[in-house]
Amino acid sequence: MDYRELLGELFEGAYIVDDERKIIFWNSEAERITGYSAEEMIGKRCYENILRHVDDKGHQLCHEGCPLLDTIEHGRTNRAQVYLHHREGYRVPVLVKTMPFVDPLDDKPKALEIFTDAPDPKSVKQKYKQLQKSSVIDTLTGTYNRSFLEYQLDLCQREYGVFQTSFAVLFIDIDRFKHVNDTHGHAAGDAVLRTIAKTMQANVRKDDIVGRWGGEEFIIILRHVDHMDARMVAEKHRMLIKDTHVSHGQQTLQVTVSIGGAMYREGLGVEKLIEIADGNMYTAKKQGRNRVVMDNPM
């Protein structure tokens, strides 16, 4: 698959410039956020009085302090919150990330900018409530649901095919969860699920995805990691959960998790990746629970 097809499926706006800052790709989400069509943008230079990025002090970033120019000149990844000029004349707050890469189609250096709507802080709570009601959130835990995890895994696999972006899966199962439900009731079990979910959400990196796979099973998708990185993250979550105390009425509950990890590799397939991680999780349980088992590095 051409990487441009992949970028076209992103929920974020994305465009690519060459080393002269000429726009050579503009996706449909960029069209929605800015009002400018790909036909209008491709072939133009990003600084030609089009998007007119400014910061919150009014500095014209296209001519002074442009994150994309810094990426082109120095090969650095940059993040910023800026305000772009919509085609209809108003300013749109966006979060911007710029990244350098070598285009596999012509082997020449390019720069990618990904941008998404930056919410007004006053509306964050309202938007969060809307997100909870959407089809991608597990209503009990507030983490992503299985269908969204499956979508992200498919996206990761395609990213690997185009950019060789490494990723891993951690399959996490709460130890003796049935005993918690049978002894303390389902409300206590729900409290355990919510608390563990919050612990994981608070301790994943920005680009990682945590979600509920089903029942007492969770999955964390880790991007840009090697085998050692994935094991370290898994051990961190195992330790943090072990030291988490769940309050339920007058009771304080403490649980552990067993974690199975697997690194994606060429030709493996997402279903097989999950199967390996799941199998490693069961191995962790057989070895005594409250432990991590990773597949062997290739």
Foldseek 3Di string as FASTA:
>chain_A
DAVLVLQQPDCWWKWKAALVQATQHTHPNNCVQAVDDPVRRHRHHPLPPRFQKAAPVGDRCSVPVPQQNCCSVPVDKDWDWIWTAHPVGDTFIKIKIKGWDQRPVVRHIMMMIIIDGDDDVVCPVVVLVVVLPDPQADVLQRFGEQVVVVVVLVSVVVCCVRVVKKKKKKKKAWPPLVVCCVPPNVVSSSLLQNQLSVQVVVPDDPPKGWYAHDDRIIMIMGIRDAPVRVQVSVLVSQVSLQPDWGDDPPDIDHTGMFMFMEIDDPPCDPVNSVVRRVVQSVVCVVVPGSDYGYDDGD
